[in-house]
């Protein structure tokens, strides 16, 4: 099983109102039936969410991949 994800990030210091607007519009697009259908046809699972949820996901991924790195003894230079 392979797993990959996509997300949008904004530069540090982007005003919260701008982040909120981008998030709202992206979530709206992901909920559009025609776009959702296209994603599903390509085996994507569009998952709208909040910036806070995405941050938590990124933090979890960071911990997960650091653990993998340690387990297989990979050095990042």
N, C-alpha and C. Protein backbone atom coordinates (compact mmCIF):
# COMPACT_ATOMS: atom_id res chain seq x y z
N UNK A 1 0.84 -1.18 0.00
CA UNK A 1 0.00 0.00 0.00
C UNK A 1 0.88 1.24 0.00
N UNK A 2 0.61 2.14 -0.87
CA UNK A 2 1.37 3.38 -0.86
C UNK A 2 0.46 4.49 -0.36
N UNK A 3 1.10 5.48 0.18
CA UNK A 3 0.35 6.58 0.77
C UNK A 3 1.08 7.87 0.46
N UNK A 4 0.38 8.81 -0.10
CA UNK A 4 0.95 10.13 -0.28
C UNK A 4 -0.15 11.15 -0.06
N UNK A 5 0.26 12.35 0.21
CA UNK A 5 -0.72 13.39 0.45
C UNK A 5 -0.25 14.68 -0.18
N UNK A 6 -1.18 15.58 -0.36
CA UNK A 6 -0.90 16.90 -0.91
C UNK A 6 -1.55 17.92 0.00
N UNK A 7 -0.93 19.06 0.09
CA UNK A 7 -1.50 20.14 0.88
C UNK A 7 -0.95 21.47 0.41
N UNK A 8 -1.50 22.51 0.89
CA UNK A 8 -1.06 23.86 0.55
C UNK A 8 -0.49 24.51 1.79
N UNK A 9 0.64 25.16 1.62
CA UNK A 9 1.28 25.90 2.70
C UNK A 9 1.42 27.36 2.28
N UNK A 10 1.42 28.24 3.25
CA UNK A 10 1.63 29.66 2.99
C UNK A 10 2.90 30.10 3.72
N UNK A 11 3.52 31.15 3.25
CA UNK A 11 4.73 31.63 3.92
C UNK A 11 4.45 32.02 5.38
N UNK A 12 5.47 31.84 6.21
CA UNK A 12 5.34 32.27 7.61
C UNK A 12 4.95 33.74 7.65
N UNK A 13 4.06 34.07 8.55
CA UNK A 13 3.64 35.46 8.71
C UNK A 13 2.46 35.85 7.83
N UNK A 14 1.95 34.91 7.04
CA UNK A 14 0.76 35.23 6.24
C UNK A 14 -0.38 35.56 7.20
N UNK A 15 -1.06 36.69 6.98
CA UNK A 15 -2.15 37.06 7.89
C UNK A 15 -3.20 35.96 8.02
N UNK A 16 -3.69 35.77 9.25
CA UNK A 16 -4.68 34.72 9.50
C UNK A 16 -5.92 34.87 8.63
N UNK A 17 -6.31 36.10 8.34
CA UNK A 17 -7.49 36.31 7.49
C UNK A 17 -7.25 35.78 6.08
N UNK A 18 -6.04 35.92 5.59
CA UNK A 18 -5.70 35.41 4.25
C UNK A 18 -5.71 33.88 4.27
N UNK A 19 -5.11 33.30 5.31
CA UNK A 19 -5.10 31.83 5.45
C UNK A 19 -6.54 31.31 5.54
N UNK A 20 -7.37 31.98 6.30
CA UNK A 20 -8.77 31.56 6.45
C UNK A 20 -9.51 31.63 5.11
N UNK A 21 -9.27 32.68 4.35
CA UNK A 21 -9.92 32.82 3.04
C UNK A 21 -9.45 31.72 2.09
N UNK A 22 -8.14 31.49 2.03
CA UNK A 22 -7.61 30.43 1.17
C UNK A 22 -8.19 29.08 1.57
N UNK A 23 -8.21 28.81 2.87
CA UNK A 23 -8.73 27.54 3.37
C UNK A 23 -10.20 27.36 3.00
N UNK A 24 -10.97 28.38 3.19
CA UNK A 24 -12.41 28.32 2.88
C UNK A 24 -12.62 28.02 1.39
N UNK A 25 -11.89 28.73 0.53
CA UNK A 25 -12.07 28.56 -0.92
C UNK A 25 -11.56 27.21 -1.42
N UNK A 26 -10.45 26.74 -0.86
CA UNK A 26 -9.94 25.42 -1.23
C UNK A 26 -10.93 24.34 -0.79
N UNK A 27 -11.43 24.45 0.43
CA UNK A 27 -12.42 23.48 0.91
C UNK A 27 -13.69 23.49 0.05
N UNK A 28 -14.08 24.68 -0.36
CA UNK A 28 -15.26 24.81 -1.22
C UNK A 28 -15.00 24.10 -2.56
N UNK A 29 -13.83 24.30 -3.12
CA UNK A 29 -13.48 23.65 -4.39
C UNK A 29 -13.44 22.13 -4.22
N UNK A 30 -12.86 21.66 -3.13
CA UNK A 30 -12.77 20.21 -2.89
C UNK A 30 -14.14 19.57 -2.70
N UNK A 31 -15.11 20.36 -2.29
CA UNK A 31 -16.47 19.84 -2.09
C UNK A 31 -17.30 19.87 -3.36
N UNK A 32 -16.82 20.55 -4.40
CA UNK A 32 -17.57 20.63 -5.65
C UNK A 32 -17.68 19.23 -6.26
N UNK A 33 -18.90 18.80 -6.57
CA UNK A 33 -19.10 17.43 -7.06
C UNK A 33 -18.23 17.04 -8.25
N UNK A 34 -18.07 17.92 -9.24
CA UNK A 34 -17.29 17.56 -10.42
C UNK A 34 -15.81 17.37 -10.10
N UNK A 35 -15.26 18.23 -9.27
CA UNK A 35 -13.85 18.09 -8.89
C UNK A 35 -13.65 16.87 -8.00
N UNK A 36 -14.56 16.69 -7.05
CA UNK A 36 -14.47 15.52 -6.17
C UNK A 36 -14.53 14.23 -6.98
N UNK A 37 -15.41 14.18 -7.97
CA UNK A 37 -15.53 13.02 -8.84
C UNK A 37 -14.22 12.74 -9.58
N UNK A 38 -13.59 13.79 -10.08
CA UNK A 38 -12.32 13.62 -10.79
C UNK A 38 -11.24 13.07 -9.88
N UNK A 39 -11.17 13.61 -8.67
CA UNK A 39 -10.17 13.13 -7.71
C UNK A 39 -10.41 11.65 -7.37
N UNK A 40 -11.64 11.32 -7.08
CA UNK A 40 -11.96 9.94 -6.71
C UNK A 40 -11.64 8.99 -7.87
N UNK A 41 -11.90 9.41 -9.10
CA UNK A 41 -11.59 8.58 -10.27
C UNK A 41 -10.08 8.31 -10.38
N UNK A 42 -9.28 9.19 -9.81
CA UNK A 42 -7.82 9.03 -9.83
C UNK A 42 -7.30 8.45 -8.51
N UNK A 43 -8.20 7.91 -7.72
CA UNK A 43 -7.94 7.31 -6.40
C UNK A 43 -7.43 8.30 -5.36
N UNK A 44 -7.75 9.57 -5.54
CA UNK A 44 -7.47 10.56 -4.51
C UNK A 44 -8.67 10.63 -3.58
N UNK A 45 -8.42 10.95 -2.34
CA UNK A 45 -9.49 11.10 -1.36
C UNK A 45 -9.44 12.53 -0.83
N UNK A 46 -10.12 13.46 -1.49
CA UNK A 46 -10.06 14.85 -1.05
C UNK A 46 -10.60 14.98 0.38
N UNK A 47 -9.79 15.58 1.23
CA UNK A 47 -10.16 15.70 2.64
C UNK A 47 -10.05 17.16 3.08
N UNK A 48 -11.14 17.91 2.95
CA UNK A 48 -11.11 19.29 3.43
C UNK A 48 -10.86 19.33 4.93
N UNK A 49 -10.30 20.42 5.39
CA UNK A 49 -10.05 20.56 6.82
C UNK A 49 -9.63 21.97 7.16
N UNK A 50 -9.18 22.12 8.38
CA UNK A 50 -8.75 23.42 8.88
C UNK A 50 -7.23 23.51 8.86
N UNK A 51 -6.69 24.72 8.93
CA UNK A 51 -5.24 24.86 9.04
C UNK A 51 -4.69 24.15 10.28
N UNK A 52 -5.45 24.17 11.36
CA UNK A 52 -5.00 23.53 12.60
C UNK A 52 -4.94 22.01 12.44
N UNK A 53 -5.91 21.44 11.75
CA UNK A 53 -5.90 20.00 11.51
C UNK A 53 -4.72 19.60 10.63
N UNK A 54 -4.42 20.42 9.63
CA UNK A 54 -3.31 20.11 8.74
C UNK A 54 -1.98 20.23 9.49
N UNK A 55 -1.85 21.23 10.35
CA UNK A 55 -0.64 21.37 11.16
C UNK A 55 -0.44 20.14 12.03
N UNK A 56 -1.50 19.68 12.66
CA UNK A 56 -1.40 18.48 13.50
C UNK A 56 -0.99 17.27 12.65
N UNK A 57 -1.56 17.14 11.46
CA UNK A 57 -1.18 16.05 10.55
C UNK A 57 0.30 16.14 10.20
N UNK A 58 0.77 17.33 9.86
CA UNK A 58 2.19 17.51 9.51
C UNK A 58 3.10 17.15 10.68
N UNK A 59 2.70 17.53 11.88
CA UNK A 59 3.51 17.19 13.06
C UNK A 59 3.55 15.68 13.27
N UNK A 60 2.43 15.02 13.07
CA UNK A 60 2.37 13.56 13.20
C UNK A 60 3.25 12.89 12.15
N UNK A 61 3.19 13.38 10.92
CA UNK A 61 4.03 12.83 9.85
C UNK A 61 5.51 13.03 10.17
N UNK A 62 5.86 14.18 10.72
CA UNK A 62 7.26 14.45 11.07
C UNK A 62 7.76 13.42 12.08
N UNK A 63 6.98 13.16 13.11
CA UNK A 63 7.35 12.16 14.12
C UNK A 63 7.45 10.78 13.48
N UNK A 64 6.47 10.44 12.68
CA UNK A 64 6.44 9.13 12.03
C UNK A 64 7.68 8.88 11.18
N UNK A 65 8.03 9.84 10.34
CA UNK A 65 9.16 9.64 9.44
C UNK A 65 10.50 9.76 10.15
N UNK A 66 10.55 10.52 11.24
CA UNK A 66 11.79 10.53 12.04
C UNK A 66 12.02 9.15 12.67
N UNK A 67 10.93 8.53 13.11
CA UNK A 67 11.04 7.17 13.68
C UNK A 67 11.51 6.18 12.62
N UNK A 68 10.97 6.29 11.42
CA UNK A 68 11.40 5.40 10.33
C UNK A 68 12.88 5.63 10.03
N UNK A 69 13.26 6.88 9.97
CA UNK A 69 14.66 7.23 9.72
C UNK A 69 15.58 6.56 10.76
N UNK A 70 15.20 6.61 12.01
CA UNK A 70 16.01 6.00 13.06
C UNK A 70 16.03 4.47 12.92
N UNK A 71 14.88 3.88 12.63
CA UNK A 71 14.78 2.43 12.52
C UNK A 71 15.65 1.86 11.41
N UNK A 72 15.74 2.57 10.31
CA UNK A 72 16.53 2.06 9.19
C UNK A 72 17.91 2.70 9.12
N UNK A 73 18.21 3.51 10.13
CA UNK A 73 19.54 4.13 10.27
C UNK A 73 19.94 4.96 9.04
N UNK A 74 19.06 5.84 8.64
CA UNK A 74 19.35 6.73 7.52
C UNK A 74 19.84 8.06 8.08
N UNK A 75 20.92 8.55 7.51
CA UNK A 75 21.46 9.86 7.92
C UNK A 75 21.07 10.89 6.89
N UNK A 76 20.57 12.01 7.33
CA UNK A 76 20.27 13.13 6.45
C UNK A 76 21.38 14.17 6.63
N UNK A 77 22.07 14.45 5.56
CA UNK A 77 23.16 15.44 5.62
C UNK A 77 22.70 16.79 5.18
